[in-house]
Each structure stands twice: as C-alpha cells, then as structure tokens.
Amino acid sequence: MPEFAYIARDLEGRQVRGRLSAATEGEVLSQLDQRALFPVQVKADEPRAQVFRTRRVKAQLVATAYGQLADLLRSGVPLLRSLEVLRKQVTHAGLIAVIDSLHAQVQEGGSLAEAMARHPKVFTPMAISMVRAGGEGGFLEESLDHVADFTEKQEDMKSRTIGAIVYPAFLAVFGTLIVAGLLVFIVPKFETMFDRLRTKGELPALTDWLLALSGLVQRWWWAILLVGAIGFVFTRLRLATEQGRLWRDGLLLRLPVAGKIFLNLAAARFCRVLGTMLRNGVPILRALEISSDAAGNRLLAAAIRSAAENISAGQSLAQPLAACGHFPGAVVEMIAVAEESNSLDRVLVEIADSLDRRTWRQLDLAVRLLEPLMLLVLAVVVLLLAIALLMPVIKMGSTI
C-alpha cells in the first residue's frame, strides 16, 4: 500500500510530521481528521521509493493482464472497475500489489500510464508509451492489445533463445574451465621438458606463447579476478547514468550481427506507436514526443525528437530521420513516399509489421547458428593447445 508523508497541526497549533499508509490521499485526510489533526501538506512517496519495493513479475503474466484489461475495456467496463475485476482474476501476489497501486493512482485522478511508470520493474518503457498514446488518443484497448501481443512474442523468442543458448553457454563455461585447468596444472609440467629447445632457440613460437600465458595465469590469477570484478562494478555504475545508457544503446546498434536486429526492433516499435497514434487523430508533434520513448533506444529517441523540431519548422519527417544515420534506408524511403501520398499512418503500421516479421526470422536464424559457432570456437582453442604442446614433443622425437 502506498505511503504518504504529512505535515499537520494539532488543536494547540503545534506542527506534527509523520507518515501514513493508505490507498488514497483521501484516506490519509480521513485518518488525520480522526486524530484531530489539521493537514497542512500531504505528499505521496516519490516513485523511486515505491519502485524499490516493487516485486518483479514475470512478463508472461503481465502480457496476460494486458490482454484481459483490453477485453474488459472493449466490453464497455470503466477503467477503475476493469482494474478491480482484473485484480480478482490475478493470483500472483506481486501482480496483485501492482494492480492495487494502479487502481489507487487512477482513482486519485492520474492516468494509467502515469501509474504504470511508477513500476518500471514490471512495465517496460515501450508499454508505458503505448498506453500513454492510447489514453491520449482514445484507443487504449487497441494499444493494450498491441502491448500484450508484442510482450508475448518477446517472451516467446526469449524462451526460445534461452533454450537454444543453454548448451552453447554450457560449452563456453565448461571449455573455459578446462582451458584454465590446463594452463594452471598441465602446461607448467611441460616447461622443464622444453627448456633444452628454448635454450637452443628451437622452441616453437606458439608453445612459447602458451608457456608465457600459463605463467601469467599462475602468478597473477588474483589480479585477473580483481580486474574482472572492478570492470563489472564499473560497468554497472556507468550504466546507471544517462551517459552510460546512451553509450550502451549506441554499442548495441554497432554490434556486427545483433546490431541490425536491435535497430529493426526499435524502428518497428517507433513506427507502430506513431502510426497507431496518427490513425487515431493524435497530432503529429505529440505523437512523435510519445513514440520517441517507445523506440527503447536513446540514440533513436534523440533523432525522433530532432525530427519533431524540424516538423514544427515546416520540414518533412523523413529528412531528419535519414540525417541521423541510424534508421534503415528502406524505412526512411517508405516514410518519405507515405508523406507525399498522405498515407503516413497506414504505411507506418505496415512498416512495423514487415520489420517485426523480418527481425524475428533473423533472430531465430542467429540463435540456430550460435550452437555450432560455440562448438567451432571450442574446437579451435583445444586444437591450438594440442598443437602447441605436441610440436616440441615431435621435434624432440625427431632429434633423438
């Protein structure tokens, strides 16, 4: 239940400060009245404080809740009543608490999107942006359906991806442990055997490098672990800042194979939200402001906000999107043609559908290729170790 901080005065005029737990601000005022206190200020907890206590909820459960809420609203049930009905249908304790919070915030006069924004561990920025667009444009049911469909597809692909990378991940971990064990325990035993070849300058370079690496790991293993731990902590702290998130989003777009997938997914989300809002009569400047957050990538969001500034100056949407260099060229061309034919809302949704289909195929193919790739990498590493150890042995045998 939300908490409220209050400042009040008692019957003698003395100032009293405290905190109360209540579903709404009205309940707080009622409790203060029962204590013979006159409220001066009542303030709800900041969103971050409430977010900290929010329990994580599986995305599949949230997707089901989106769909149920959309069905209730489509049937003509008011939003507050729909949330009450939804709460009775949910069995997960964490999701029940979240729905209670949503109900309390909406009852106080806030929008559903504002209430969802207080739970970023449960609701993604894309979902919040879609719901905000639906609430402002009068198509909340449709936006909830889109969010439910996208969340289910995302979870399906995530589960398939996790299932596909379990074996490659096992190979990577197991292979790393084997290589580390060889470097620490096995390779040093060959060093004295190869001393004669090293003295004569006949030790193969690959073997020399392997012995040097083994010695480095033996002497400085603690430093390697320390540097890894410091690097992990530094990365976490950096990603907690806005500049760090911007760097991460740029890095994701520059990845060799996955970068194109991330870019297409972000562009599809942007196109779907913008097209849906324009189709339902939302002004383009407001639609761009909301859809920029739906992209889920800060570089693309900055380009979209720049496009909004250009549109307010009388330019087209396609020009600034092409100038940023991040949006796919085919998407920009289709947007330019749609602007000329005055069919931007319809074309944007078609672009989103096409990008979604193409991206899921690419992601599925990438996941299928991951397992043989890991096997190949592990085989190459083991082969290099074997060659490095066998070459001097063969050389000594031929000399004898």
Protein backbone atom coordinates (compact mmCIF):
# COMPACT_ATOMS: atom_id res chain seq x y z
CA MET A 1 0.00 0.00 0.00
CA PRO A 2 1.36 3.49 -0.82
CA GLU A 3 2.78 5.64 1.95
CA PHE A 4 2.17 9.37 2.44
CA ALA A 5 4.24 11.91 4.31
CA TYR A 6 2.16 14.59 6.03
CA ILE A 7 2.60 17.88 7.85
CA ALA A 8 -0.31 18.85 10.12
CA ARG A 9 -1.18 20.94 13.17
CA ASP A 10 -2.90 19.77 16.32
CA LEU A 11 -5.60 21.56 18.30
CA GLU A 12 -2.95 23.68 20.05
CA GLY A 13 -1.38 24.77 16.78
CA ARG A 14 1.78 22.72 17.08
CA GLN A 15 3.26 21.27 13.91
CA VAL A 16 3.18 17.50 13.58
CA ARG A 17 5.04 15.45 10.97
CA GLY A 18 4.59 11.78 10.17
CA ARG A 19 3.83 9.07 7.65
CA LEU A 20 0.70 7.03 7.00
CA SER A 21 -0.09 4.03 4.80
CA ALA A 22 -3.29 4.43 2.79
CA ALA A 23 -4.71 3.55 -0.60
CA THR A 24 -5.53 7.17 -1.49
CA GLU A 25 -4.85 10.69 -0.29
CA GLY A 26 -8.47 10.92 0.81
CA GLU A 27 -7.91 8.08 3.28
CA VAL A 28 -4.94 9.98 4.71
CA LEU A 29 -7.10 13.08 5.26
CA SER A 30 -9.74 10.92 6.94
CA GLN A 31 -7.17 9.38 9.30
CA LEU A 32 -5.79 12.79 10.18
CA ASP A 33 -9.30 14.03 10.93
CA GLN A 34 -9.85 11.09 13.28
CA ARG A 35 -6.67 12.09 15.14
CA ALA A 36 -7.87 15.71 15.43
CA LEU A 37 -5.07 16.91 13.16
CA PHE A 38 -5.43 19.66 10.55
CA PRO A 39 -3.46 18.78 7.40
CA VAL A 40 -1.06 21.37 6.01
CA GLN A 41 0.64 19.18 3.43
CA VAL A 42 0.11 15.58 2.30
CA LYS A 43 2.57 14.15 -0.17
CA ALA A 44 2.82 10.66 -1.64
CA ASP A 45 6.12 8.81 -1.68
CA GLU A 46 8.34 9.57 -4.64
CA PRO A 47 8.06 6.99 -7.44
CA ARG A 48 11.57 5.71 -6.83
CA ALA A 49 10.80 4.84 -3.24
CA GLN A 50 7.78 2.82 -4.33
CA VAL A 51 9.64 1.29 -7.23
CA PHE A 52 12.29 -0.02 -4.83
CA ARG A 53 9.72 -2.16 -3.06
CA THR A 54 8.06 -3.44 -6.23
CA ARG A 55 8.39 -7.18 -6.67
CA ARG A 56 9.35 -8.47 -10.08
CA VAL A 57 6.58 -10.12 -12.06
CA LYS A 58 7.06 -12.50 -14.98
CA ALA A 59 6.47 -10.79 -18.30
CA GLN A 60 4.11 -13.55 -19.43
CA LEU A 61 1.78 -12.78 -16.51
CA VAL A 62 1.90 -9.08 -17.35
CA ALA A 63 1.12 -9.83 -21.01
CA THR A 64 -1.95 -11.85 -19.96
CA ALA A 65 -3.05 -8.96 -17.74
CA TYR A 66 -2.73 -6.54 -20.69
CA GLY A 67 -4.99 -8.74 -22.79
CA GLN A 68 -7.58 -9.20 -20.04
CA LEU A 69 -7.69 -5.46 -19.35
CA ALA A 70 -8.12 -4.74 -23.07
CA ASP A 71 -11.04 -7.22 -23.27
CA LEU A 72 -12.74 -5.61 -20.28
CA LEU A 73 -12.39 -2.10 -21.67
CA ARG A 74 -13.60 -3.22 -25.10
CA SER A 75 -16.71 -4.64 -23.44
CA GLY A 76 -17.54 -1.19 -22.07
CA VAL A 77 -16.35 -1.73 -18.48
CA PRO A 78 -14.90 1.51 -16.99
CA LEU A 79 -11.20 1.55 -16.24
CA LEU A 80 -11.48 1.54 -12.44
CA ARG A 81 -13.98 -1.30 -12.50
CA SER A 82 -11.80 -3.18 -15.02
CA LEU A 83 -8.83 -2.94 -12.65
CA GLU A 84 -10.99 -4.28 -9.80
CA VAL A 85 -12.14 -7.23 -11.92
CA LEU A 86 -8.59 -7.85 -13.11
CA ARG A 87 -7.33 -7.93 -9.54
CA LYS A 88 -9.80 -10.70 -8.68
CA GLN A 89 -8.62 -12.78 -11.64
CA VAL A 90 -4.91 -12.50 -10.78
CA THR A 91 -3.30 -14.98 -8.38
CA HIS A 92 0.30 -13.72 -8.31
CA ALA A 93 0.89 -11.72 -5.11
CA GLY A 94 3.32 -9.29 -6.72
CA LEU A 95 0.96 -8.51 -9.62
CA ILE A 96 -1.94 -8.07 -7.20
CA ALA A 97 0.05 -5.41 -5.32
CA VAL A 98 0.87 -3.65 -8.59
CA ILE A 99 -2.78 -3.64 -9.71
CA ASP A 100 -3.80 -2.24 -6.32
CA SER A 101 -1.30 0.57 -6.82
CA LEU A 102 -2.60 1.23 -10.34
CA HIS A 103 -6.17 1.35 -9.07
CA ALA A 104 -5.26 3.79 -6.28
CA GLN A 105 -3.39 6.12 -8.64
CA VAL A 106 -6.16 6.12 -11.26
CA GLN A 107 -8.76 6.68 -8.54
CA GLU A 108 -6.79 9.77 -7.46
CA GLY A 109 -7.15 11.16 -10.98
CA GLY A 110 -3.89 10.03 -12.54
CA SER A 111 -3.64 8.32 -15.88
CA LEU A 112 -2.98 4.62 -16.29
CA ALA A 113 0.38 5.36 -17.96
CA GLU A 114 1.49 7.56 -15.05
CA ALA A 115 0.56 4.81 -12.60
CA MET A 116 2.44 2.22 -14.66
CA ALA A 117 5.52 4.45 -14.78
CA ARG A 118 5.87 4.03 -11.02
CA HIS A 119 6.65 0.33 -11.57
CA PRO A 120 9.46 0.14 -14.17
CA LYS A 121 10.42 -3.33 -12.94
CA VAL A 122 7.03 -4.57 -14.15
CA PHE A 123 6.12 -2.31 -17.09
CA THR A 124 8.61 -1.58 -19.87
CA PRO A 125 9.08 1.93 -21.32
CA MET A 126 7.55 0.70 -24.58
CA ALA A 127 4.42 -0.48 -22.78
CA ILE A 128 4.12 2.77 -20.85
CA SER A 129 4.49 4.83 -24.04
CA MET A 130 1.90 2.72 -25.87
CA VAL A 131 -0.59 3.02 -23.02
CA ARG A 132 0.04 6.77 -22.79
CA ALA A 133 -0.61 7.08 -26.50
CA GLY A 134 -3.78 5.01 -26.22
CA GLY A 135 -5.05 7.03 -23.28
CA GLU A 136 -4.49 10.34 -25.02
CA GLY A 137 -5.76 9.19 -28.41
CA GLY A 138 -8.80 7.28 -27.21
CA PHE A 139 -7.62 3.84 -28.35
CA LEU A 140 -6.48 2.37 -25.04
CA GLU A 141 -7.92 -1.08 -25.82
CA GLU A 142 -6.01 -1.29 -29.09
CA SER A 143 -2.76 -0.14 -27.51
CA LEU A 144 -3.11 -2.71 -24.72
CA ASP A 145 -3.68 -5.42 -27.34
CA HIS A 146 -0.52 -4.34 -29.17
CA VAL A 147 1.48 -4.35 -25.94
CA ALA A 148 0.14 -7.81 -25.00
CA ASP A 149 0.93 -9.21 -28.44
CA PHE A 150 4.43 -7.73 -28.51
CA THR A 151 5.19 -8.87 -24.95
CA GLU A 152 4.06 -12.43 -25.71
CA LYS A 153 6.18 -12.52 -28.89
CA GLN A 154 9.15 -11.12 -27.00
CA GLU A 155 8.79 -13.69 -24.21
CA ASP A 156 8.36 -16.50 -26.72
CA MET A 157 11.54 -15.51 -28.53
CA LYS A 158 13.34 -15.01 -25.20
CA SER A 159 12.41 -18.50 -24.03
CA ARG A 160 13.44 -19.99 -27.37
CA THR A 161 16.69 -18.03 -27.26
CA ILE A 162 17.46 -19.13 -23.70
CA GLY A 163 16.65 -22.73 -24.58
CA ALA A 164 18.92 -22.53 -27.60
CA ILE A 165 21.88 -20.93 -25.79
CA VAL A 166 21.82 -23.23 -22.74
CA TYR A 167 24.01 -25.80 -24.48
CA PRO A 168 26.39 -23.24 -26.04
CA ALA A 169 26.66 -21.47 -22.68
CA PHE A 170 27.46 -24.78 -21.01
CA LEU A 171 30.12 -25.40 -23.64
CA ALA A 172 31.58 -21.93 -23.08
CA VAL A 173 31.75 -22.30 -19.29
CA PHE A 174 32.97 -25.89 -19.38
CA GLY A 175 35.51 -25.08 -22.07
CA THR A 176 36.81 -22.06 -20.14
CA LEU A 177 37.27 -24.17 -17.01
CA ILE A 178 39.11 -26.86 -18.97
CA VAL A 179 41.44 -24.34 -20.62
CA ALA A 180 42.10 -22.63 -17.27
CA GLY A 181 42.84 -26.02 -15.69
CA LEU A 182 45.25 -26.92 -18.48
CA LEU A 183 47.06 -23.59 -18.17
CA VAL A 184 47.38 -23.83 -14.38
CA PHE A 185 48.04 -27.55 -13.80
CA ILE A 186 49.09 -29.31 -17.03
CA VAL A 187 51.07 -26.87 -19.16
CA PRO A 188 53.63 -26.00 -16.40
CA LYS A 189 54.66 -29.66 -16.23
CA PHE A 190 55.94 -29.43 -19.82
CA GLU A 191 58.07 -26.33 -19.16
CA THR A 192 61.12 -28.20 -17.82
CA MET A 193 60.84 -30.68 -20.67
CA PHE A 194 61.05 -27.85 -23.22
CA ASP A 195 63.93 -25.98 -21.56
CA ARG A 196 66.57 -27.56 -23.89
CA LEU A 197 64.66 -26.45 -27.01
CA ARG A 198 64.22 -22.97 -25.58
CA THR A 199 67.97 -22.75 -24.83
CA LYS A 200 68.77 -23.71 -28.43
CA GLY A 201 66.17 -21.25 -29.72
CA GLU A 202 64.22 -24.08 -31.35
CA LEU A 203 61.07 -23.80 -29.23
CA PRO A 204 58.05 -23.03 -31.50
CA ALA A 205 56.61 -19.55 -31.02
CA LEU A 206 53.12 -20.95 -30.33
CA THR A 207 54.49 -23.11 -27.49
CA ASP A 208 56.48 -20.19 -26.09
CA TRP A 209 53.36 -18.03 -26.02
CA LEU A 210 51.39 -20.81 -24.34
CA LEU A 211 54.03 -21.22 -21.60
CA ALA A 212 54.12 -17.45 -21.06
CA LEU A 213 50.33 -17.34 -20.77
CA SER A 214 50.39 -20.24 -18.32
CA GLY A 215 52.97 -18.46 -16.16
CA LEU A 216 50.93 -15.26 -16.25
CA VAL A 217 47.76 -17.03 -15.11
CA GLN A 218 49.64 -18.87 -12.35
CA ARG A 219 51.27 -15.75 -10.91
CA TRP A 220 48.56 -13.17 -11.44
CA TRP A 221 45.27 -15.11 -11.22
CA TRP A 222 44.19 -12.95 -8.29
CA ALA A 223 44.88 -9.76 -10.26
CA ILE A 224 42.90 -11.10 -13.23
CA LEU A 225 39.91 -11.83 -10.97
CA LEU A 226 40.25 -8.42 -9.30
CA VAL A 227 40.34 -6.57 -12.62
CA GLY A 228 37.30 -8.54 -13.78
CA ALA A 229 35.37 -7.66 -10.62
CA ILE A 230 36.34 -3.97 -10.86
CA GLY A 231 35.35 -3.91 -14.52
CA PHE A 232 31.97 -5.45 -13.71
CA VAL A 233 31.25 -2.94 -10.93
CA PHE A 234 32.43 0.00 -13.06
CA THR A 235 30.19 -1.09 -15.93
CA ARG A 236 27.16 -1.39 -13.63
CA LEU A 237 27.79 2.07 -12.20
CA ARG A 238 28.31 3.57 -15.64
CA LEU A 239 25.10 2.05 -16.98
CA ALA A 240 23.25 3.61 -14.06
CA THR A 241 23.97 7.07 -15.54
CA GLU A 242 22.31 8.66 -18.55
CA GLN A 243 25.61 8.89 -20.44
CA GLY A 244 26.28 5.22 -19.74
CA ARG A 245 22.87 4.20 -21.09
CA LEU A 246 23.46 6.32 -24.18
CA TRP A 247 26.82 4.59 -24.69
CA ARG A 248 25.17 1.18 -24.25
CA ASP A 249 22.42 1.96 -26.78
CA GLY A 250 25.00 3.12 -29.30
CA LEU A 251 27.08 -0.01 -28.72
CA LEU A 252 24.06 -2.25 -29.28
CA LEU A 253 23.43 -0.65 -32.67
CA ARG A 254 27.08 -1.15 -33.70
CA LEU A 255 27.26 -4.88 -32.93
CA PRO A 256 28.13 -6.91 -36.06
CA VAL A 257 25.01 -9.11 -36.37
CA ALA A 258 22.84 -8.29 -33.37
CA GLY A 259 23.04 -4.53 -34.05
CA LYS A 260 20.77 -4.80 -37.07
CA ILE A 261 18.28 -6.85 -35.06
CA PHE A 262 18.21 -4.27 -32.25
CA LEU A 263 17.82 -1.46 -34.78
CA ASN A 264 14.93 -3.13 -36.60
CA LEU A 265 13.11 -3.91 -33.35
CA ALA A 266 13.44 -0.30 -32.16
CA ALA A 267 12.34 1.09 -35.54
CA ALA A 268 9.35 -1.28 -35.60
CA ARG A 269 8.22 -0.15 -32.14
CA PHE A 270 8.53 3.50 -33.15
CA CYS A 271 6.65 3.03 -36.42
CA ARG A 272 3.84 1.05 -34.78
CA VAL A 273 3.26 3.56 -31.99
CA LEU A 274 3.46 6.58 -34.29
CA GLY A 275 1.23 5.03 -36.96
CA THR A 276 -1.38 3.94 -34.42
CA MET A 277 -1.48 7.39 -32.83
CA LEU A 278 -1.76 9.22 -36.16
CA ARG A 279 -4.53 6.86 -37.25
CA ASN A 280 -6.47 7.77 -34.11
CA GLY A 281 -6.12 11.51 -34.61
CA VAL A 282 -3.25 12.41 -32.27
CA PRO A 283 -1.33 15.49 -33.55
CA ILE A 284 1.99 14.51 -35.11
CA LEU A 285 4.17 16.57 -32.76
CA ARG A 286 2.59 14.99 -29.69
CA ALA A 287 2.71 11.58 -31.37
CA LEU A 288 6.44 11.96 -32.04
CA GLU A 289 7.09 13.01 -28.46
CA ILE A 290 5.43 9.87 -27.09
CA SER A 291 6.69 7.45 -29.75
CA SER A 292 10.31 8.54 -29.20
CA ASP A 293 10.24 6.78 -25.81
CA ALA A 294 8.64 3.69 -27.36
CA ALA A 295 11.70 3.09 -29.54
CA GLY A 296 13.60 1.86 -26.49
CA ASN A 297 16.90 3.31 -27.77
CA ARG A 298 18.18 6.72 -26.70
CA LEU A 299 20.02 7.45 -29.96
CA LEU A 300 16.88 6.82 -32.00
CA ALA A 301 14.79 8.77 -29.47
CA ALA A 302 17.10 11.80 -29.89
CA ALA A 303 16.75 11.55 -33.68
CA ILE A 304 12.96 11.37 -33.38
CA ARG A 305 12.84 14.43 -31.11
CA SER A 306 15.03 16.24 -33.62
CA ALA A 307 12.55 15.26 -36.31
CA ALA A 308 9.76 16.80 -34.24
CA GLU A 309 11.66 20.09 -34.11
CA ASN A 310 12.12 20.01 -37.88
CA ILE A 311 8.44 19.28 -38.46
CA SER A 312 7.46 22.23 -36.30
CA ALA A 313 9.66 24.30 -38.64
CA GLY A 314 7.76 23.01 -41.67
CA GLN A 315 10.05 20.20 -42.87
CA SER A 316 9.20 16.57 -43.54
CA LEU A 317 9.65 13.64 -41.16
CA ALA A 318 11.90 11.58 -43.44
CA GLN A 319 14.70 14.15 -43.77
CA PRO A 320 15.89 14.28 -40.13
CA LEU A 321 15.42 10.52 -39.73
CA ALA A 322 17.71 9.95 -42.72
CA ALA A 323 20.20 12.55 -41.46
CA CYS A 324 20.71 10.77 -38.12
CA GLY A 325 22.18 7.76 -39.96
CA HIS A 326 20.58 5.15 -37.70
CA PHE A 327 17.22 4.41 -39.30
CA PRO A 328 17.19 1.77 -42.08
CA GLY A 329 17.29 3.38 -45.51
CA ALA A 330 14.29 1.42 -46.79
CA VAL A 331 12.19 2.61 -43.84
CA VAL A 332 13.11 6.25 -44.47
CA GLU A 333 12.24 5.92 -48.17
CA MET A 334 8.84 4.39 -47.38
CA ILE A 335 8.13 7.17 -44.88
CA ALA A 336 9.05 9.80 -47.48
CA VAL A 337 6.71 8.26 -50.07
CA ALA A 338 3.93 7.93 -47.47
CA GLU A 339 4.24 11.61 -46.56
CA GLU A 340 3.86 12.59 -50.22
CA SER A 341 0.78 10.36 -50.63
CA ASN A 342 -0.72 11.45 -47.28
CA SER A 343 -0.90 7.83 -46.04
CA LEU A 344 1.69 8.00 -43.27
CA ASP A 345 -0.47 6.37 -40.58
CA ARG A 346 -1.24 3.26 -42.66
CA VAL A 347 2.28 2.88 -44.06
CA LEU A 348 3.93 3.18 -40.64
CA VAL A 349 1.91 0.24 -39.29
CA GLU A 350 2.74 -1.79 -42.41
CA ILE A 351 6.44 -0.97 -41.94
CA ALA A 352 6.23 -2.14 -38.32
CA ASP A 353 4.61 -5.44 -39.34
CA SER A 354 7.24 -6.04 -42.03
CA LEU A 355 10.14 -5.20 -39.70
CA ASP A 356 8.75 -7.47 -36.99
CA ARG A 357 8.48 -10.45 -39.32
CA ARG A 358 11.94 -9.90 -40.77
CA THR A 359 13.56 -9.35 -37.38
CA TRP A 360 12.08 -12.46 -35.75
CA ARG A 361 13.37 -14.53 -38.69
CA GLN A 362 16.85 -13.02 -38.33
CA LEU A 363 16.87 -13.59 -34.59
CA ASP A 364 15.74 -17.19 -34.97
CA LEU A 365 18.49 -17.82 -37.53
CA ALA A 366 21.13 -16.18 -35.31
CA VAL A 367 20.14 -18.37 -32.38
CA ARG A 368 20.33 -21.51 -34.53
CA LEU A 369 23.86 -20.59 -35.66
CA LEU A 370 25.09 -19.91 -32.12
CA GLU A 371 25.50 -23.58 -31.11
CA PRO A 372 27.73 -24.70 -34.00
CA LEU A 373 29.70 -21.45 -33.64
CA MET A 374 30.47 -22.18 -29.98
CA LEU A 375 31.49 -25.74 -30.86
CA LEU A 376 33.79 -24.40 -33.55
CA VAL A 377 35.42 -21.88 -31.19
CA LEU A 378 35.96 -24.54 -28.51
CA ALA A 379 37.39 -26.96 -31.07
CA VAL A 380 39.83 -24.31 -32.35
CA VAL A 381 41.03 -23.47 -28.83
CA VAL A 382 41.61 -27.13 -27.96
CA LEU A 383 43.35 -27.70 -31.30
CA LEU A 384 45.73 -24.79 -30.70
CA LEU A 385 46.57 -26.11 -27.22
CA ALA A 386 47.23 -29.57 -28.60
CA ILE A 387 49.43 -28.25 -31.42
CA ALA A 388 51.39 -26.02 -29.01
CA LEU A 389 52.17 -28.98 -26.75
CA LEU A 390 52.76 -31.61 -29.44
CA MET A 391 55.03 -29.62 -31.75
CA PRO A 392 58.02 -29.58 -29.32
CA VAL A 393 57.46 -33.25 -28.46
CA ILE A 394 57.56 -34.20 -32.15
CA LYS A 395 60.64 -32.02 -32.65
CA MET A 396 62.48 -33.71 -29.73
CA GLY A 397 61.47 -37.14 -31.03
CA SER A 398 62.84 -36.41 -34.49
CA THR A 399 66.09 -35.12 -32.97
CA ILE A 400 66.55 -38.33 -30.96
